[in-house]
C-alpha cells in the first residue's frame, strides 16, 4: 500500500462520514483496504496517530480512532 494514497483514502472516508460519526473501529478502516492484511492497515492508522493526523479514543475496553480534534468528545476534553 502506498502511504500517501492510504492516508488520503482514510481522510476521505472520515470526511464523508463526519456528519454521522467522528470515531471508528479499526475494522472500519480494514474494510477500506480489502486487498491488504489487517496488520498493514493497523500500521497505517497508527502512523497517522503518531503524525497527529488521527487520535485514539478509549473507553477502557474499546479503542476507537478519529480525526484529531473532531467530535463532541474532543471539545469536552479541552475544557478547563
N, C-alpha and C. Protein backbone atom coordinates (compact mmCIF):
# COMPACT_ATOMS: atom_id res chain seq x y z
N UNK A 1 0.84 -1.18 0.00
CA UNK A 1 0.00 0.00 0.00
C UNK A 1 0.89 1.24 0.00
N UNK A 2 0.52 2.19 -0.82
CA UNK A 2 1.21 3.48 -0.85
C UNK A 2 0.72 4.31 0.33
N UNK A 3 1.65 4.80 1.15
CA UNK A 3 1.31 5.52 2.37
C UNK A 3 0.42 6.74 2.11
N UNK A 4 0.80 7.55 1.14
CA UNK A 4 0.04 8.77 0.86
C UNK A 4 -1.35 8.47 0.33
N UNK A 5 -1.45 7.48 -0.54
CA UNK A 5 -2.76 7.09 -1.06
C UNK A 5 -3.63 6.51 0.05
N UNK A 6 -3.00 5.72 0.93
CA UNK A 6 -3.72 5.15 2.06
C UNK A 6 -4.24 6.22 3.00
N UNK A 7 -3.41 7.20 3.30
CA UNK A 7 -3.83 8.30 4.17
C UNK A 7 -4.97 9.09 3.54
N UNK A 8 -4.88 9.32 2.24
CA UNK A 8 -5.94 10.07 1.55
C UNK A 8 -7.25 9.29 1.60
N UNK A 9 -7.19 7.98 1.43
CA UNK A 9 -8.39 7.14 1.49
C UNK A 9 -9.03 7.23 2.87
N UNK A 10 -8.22 7.15 3.92
CA UNK A 10 -8.73 7.23 5.29
C UNK A 10 -9.35 8.60 5.54
N UNK A 11 -8.67 9.66 5.16
CA UNK A 11 -9.19 11.01 5.39
C UNK A 11 -10.46 11.27 4.59
N UNK A 12 -10.55 10.77 3.36
CA UNK A 12 -11.76 10.92 2.57
C UNK A 12 -12.93 10.20 3.24
N UNK A 13 -12.66 9.00 3.77
CA UNK A 13 -13.68 8.23 4.48
C UNK A 13 -14.18 9.01 5.70
N UNK A 14 -13.25 9.56 6.47
CA UNK A 14 -13.63 10.32 7.67
C UNK A 14 -14.44 11.56 7.31
N UNK A 15 -14.05 12.23 6.25
CA UNK A 15 -14.78 13.43 5.82
C UNK A 15 -16.20 13.08 5.39
N UNK A 16 -16.33 11.97 4.66
CA UNK A 16 -17.64 11.54 4.17
C UNK A 16 -18.56 11.15 5.33
N UNK A 17 -18.01 10.55 6.37
CA UNK A 17 -18.80 10.07 7.50
C UNK A 17 -18.92 11.09 8.63
N UNK A 18 -18.31 12.25 8.51
CA UNK A 18 -18.22 13.21 9.61
C UNK A 18 -19.58 13.71 10.10
N UNK A 19 -20.59 13.67 9.28
CA UNK A 19 -21.91 14.15 9.70
C UNK A 19 -22.58 13.18 10.67
N UNK A 20 -22.24 11.88 10.56
CA UNK A 20 -22.90 10.89 11.41
C UNK A 20 -22.04 10.36 12.55
N UNK A 21 -20.72 10.25 12.33
CA UNK A 21 -19.83 9.71 13.35
C UNK A 21 -18.49 10.42 13.31
N UNK A 22 -17.80 10.41 14.45
CA UNK A 22 -16.46 11.00 14.47
C UNK A 22 -15.39 9.99 14.88
N UNK A 23 -15.80 8.86 15.45
CA UNK A 23 -14.86 7.84 15.90
C UNK A 23 -15.22 6.50 15.26
N UNK A 24 -14.18 5.74 14.90
CA UNK A 24 -14.39 4.48 14.19
C UNK A 24 -13.51 3.38 14.75
N UNK A 25 -13.98 2.15 14.61
CA UNK A 25 -13.19 0.97 14.97
C UNK A 25 -12.14 0.73 13.89
N UNK A 26 -11.09 0.04 14.27
CA UNK A 26 -10.06 -0.32 13.30
C UNK A 26 -10.65 -1.15 12.17
N UNK A 27 -11.63 -2.01 12.48
CA UNK A 27 -12.24 -2.85 11.44
C UNK A 27 -12.94 -2.01 10.36
N UNK A 28 -13.39 -0.80 10.71
CA UNK A 28 -13.99 0.09 9.71
C UNK A 28 -12.96 0.50 8.68
N UNK A 29 -11.73 0.72 9.13
CA UNK A 29 -10.66 1.09 8.20
C UNK A 29 -10.19 -0.13 7.40
N UNK A 30 -10.23 -1.31 8.02
CA UNK A 30 -9.86 -2.54 7.30
C UNK A 30 -10.75 -2.73 6.08
N UNK A 31 -12.02 -2.36 6.20
CA UNK A 31 -12.96 -2.51 5.09
C UNK A 31 -12.60 -1.62 3.90
N UNK A 32 -11.86 -0.54 4.15
CA UNK A 32 -11.44 0.35 3.07
C UNK A 32 -10.34 -0.26 2.20
N UNK A 33 -9.62 -1.24 2.78
CA UNK A 33 -8.48 -1.84 2.10
C UNK A 33 -8.61 -3.37 2.08
N UNK A 34 -9.58 -3.89 1.35
CA UNK A 34 -9.81 -5.34 1.36
C UNK A 34 -8.64 -6.15 0.81
N UNK A 35 -7.80 -5.54 0.00
CA UNK A 35 -6.67 -6.26 -0.59
C UNK A 35 -5.47 -6.34 0.35
N UNK A 36 -5.49 -5.56 1.44
CA UNK A 36 -4.38 -5.54 2.39
C UNK A 36 -4.74 -6.31 3.66
N UNK A 37 -3.71 -6.86 4.29
CA UNK A 37 -3.91 -7.56 5.55
C UNK A 37 -4.22 -6.54 6.65
N UNK A 38 -4.98 -6.94 7.66
CA UNK A 38 -5.33 -6.03 8.76
C UNK A 38 -4.11 -5.39 9.43
N UNK A 39 -3.01 -6.11 9.51
CA UNK A 39 -1.80 -5.58 10.14
C UNK A 39 -1.25 -4.37 9.38
N UNK A 40 -1.33 -4.41 8.06
CA UNK A 40 -0.86 -3.29 7.23
C UNK A 40 -1.72 -2.06 7.49
N UNK A 41 -3.03 -2.27 7.58
CA UNK A 41 -3.96 -1.16 7.84
C UNK A 41 -3.72 -0.60 9.24
N UNK A 42 -3.52 -1.48 10.21
CA UNK A 42 -3.25 -1.04 11.59
C UNK A 42 -1.99 -0.19 11.64
N UNK A 43 -0.96 -0.60 10.93
CA UNK A 43 0.28 0.17 10.89
C UNK A 43 0.06 1.55 10.28
N UNK A 44 -0.74 1.62 9.21
CA UNK A 44 -1.05 2.90 8.57
C UNK A 44 -1.77 3.82 9.55
N UNK A 45 -2.81 3.29 10.21
CA UNK A 45 -3.59 4.10 11.14
C UNK A 45 -2.73 4.54 12.32
N UNK A 46 -1.91 3.65 12.85
CA UNK A 46 -1.03 4.02 13.96
C UNK A 46 -0.02 5.08 13.55
N UNK A 47 0.47 4.99 12.33
CA UNK A 47 1.40 6.01 11.84
C UNK A 47 0.70 7.37 11.73
N UNK A 48 -0.57 7.35 11.32
CA UNK A 48 -1.33 8.59 11.23
C UNK A 48 -1.57 9.18 12.64
N UNK A 49 -1.70 8.33 13.64
CA UNK A 49 -1.82 8.80 15.03
C UNK A 49 -0.51 9.44 15.46
N UNK A 50 0.61 8.79 15.14
CA UNK A 50 1.91 9.33 15.51
C UNK A 50 2.17 10.68 14.85
N UNK A 51 1.67 10.85 13.63
CA UNK A 51 1.83 12.11 12.90
C UNK A 51 0.78 13.13 13.31
N UNK A 52 -0.07 12.77 14.27
CA UNK A 52 -1.12 13.63 14.81
C UNK A 52 -2.17 14.03 13.78
N UNK A 53 -2.40 13.15 12.82
CA UNK A 53 -3.49 13.34 11.87
C UNK A 53 -4.76 12.75 12.47
N UNK A 54 -4.61 11.58 13.09
CA UNK A 54 -5.69 10.91 13.80
C UNK A 54 -5.36 10.87 15.28
N UNK A 55 -6.36 10.49 16.09
CA UNK A 55 -6.14 10.32 17.51
C UNK A 55 -6.89 9.10 18.01
N UNK A 56 -6.38 8.54 19.10
CA UNK A 56 -7.04 7.43 19.77
C UNK A 56 -8.11 7.98 20.69
N UNK A 57 -9.15 7.19 20.89
CA UNK A 57 -10.10 7.45 21.95
C UNK A 57 -10.41 6.10 22.56
N UNK A 58 -10.29 5.99 23.86
CA UNK A 58 -10.50 4.71 24.52
C UNK A 58 -11.52 4.86 25.64
N UNK A 59 -12.43 3.89 25.71
CA UNK A 59 -13.40 3.85 26.80
C UNK A 59 -12.88 2.98 27.94
N UNK A 60 -11.73 2.39 27.73
CA UNK A 60 -11.17 1.47 28.70
C UNK A 60 -11.21 0.05 28.18
N UNK A 61 -12.27 -0.27 27.47
CA UNK A 61 -12.39 -1.62 26.91
C UNK A 61 -12.37 -1.60 25.38
N UNK A 62 -12.59 -0.44 24.81
CA UNK A 62 -12.66 -0.31 23.36
C UNK A 62 -11.80 0.86 22.91
N UNK A 63 -11.07 0.66 21.82
CA UNK A 63 -10.27 1.74 21.25
C UNK A 63 -10.88 2.15 19.92
N UNK A 64 -11.11 3.43 19.77
CA UNK A 64 -11.64 3.98 18.53
C UNK A 64 -10.63 5.00 18.00
N UNK A 65 -10.76 5.31 16.73
CA UNK A 65 -9.88 6.26 16.07
C UNK A 65 -10.73 7.33 15.41
N UNK A 66 -10.22 8.55 15.40
CA UNK A 66 -10.92 9.64 14.75
C UNK A 66 -9.94 10.72 14.35
N UNK A 67 -10.43 11.64 13.55
CA UNK A 67 -9.61 12.75 13.12
C UNK A 67 -9.32 13.64 14.32
N UNK A 68 -8.09 14.07 14.45
CA UNK A 68 -7.67 14.85 15.61
C UNK A 68 -8.51 16.11 15.74
N UNK A 69 -9.09 16.30 16.93
CA UNK A 69 -9.88 17.48 17.22
C UNK A 69 -11.32 17.43 16.75
N UNK A 70 -11.76 16.31 16.21
CA UNK A 70 -13.12 16.21 15.70
C UNK A 70 -14.02 15.51 16.71
N UNK A 71 -15.29 15.87 16.72
CA UNK A 71 -16.26 15.19 17.56
C UNK A 71 -16.54 15.92 18.86
N UNK A 72 -17.63 15.52 19.50
CA UNK A 72 -18.06 16.14 20.75
C UNK A 72 -17.07 15.88 21.87
N UNK A 73 -16.50 14.70 21.92
CA UNK A 73 -15.57 14.34 22.99
C UNK A 73 -14.35 15.26 22.99
N UNK A 74 -13.85 15.59 21.84
CA UNK A 74 -12.66 16.45 21.76
C UNK A 74 -12.94 17.82 22.35
N UNK A 75 -14.10 18.36 22.10
CA UNK A 75 -14.44 19.68 22.64
C UNK A 75 -14.56 19.63 24.15
N UNK A 76 -15.13 18.58 24.69
CA UNK A 76 -15.31 18.46 26.13
C UNK A 76 -13.99 18.25 26.85
N UNK A 77 -13.06 17.54 26.25
CA UNK A 77 -11.79 17.25 26.89
C UNK A 77 -10.90 18.47 27.02
N UNK A 78 -11.11 19.48 26.20
CA UNK A 78 -10.25 20.65 26.22
C UNK A 78 -10.79 21.77 27.11
N UNK A 79 -11.89 21.49 27.83
CA UNK A 79 -12.41 22.48 28.76
C UNK A 79 -11.61 22.43 30.04
N UNK A 80 -11.29 23.56 30.58
CA UNK A 80 -10.54 23.62 31.85
C UNK A 80 -11.37 24.21 32.95
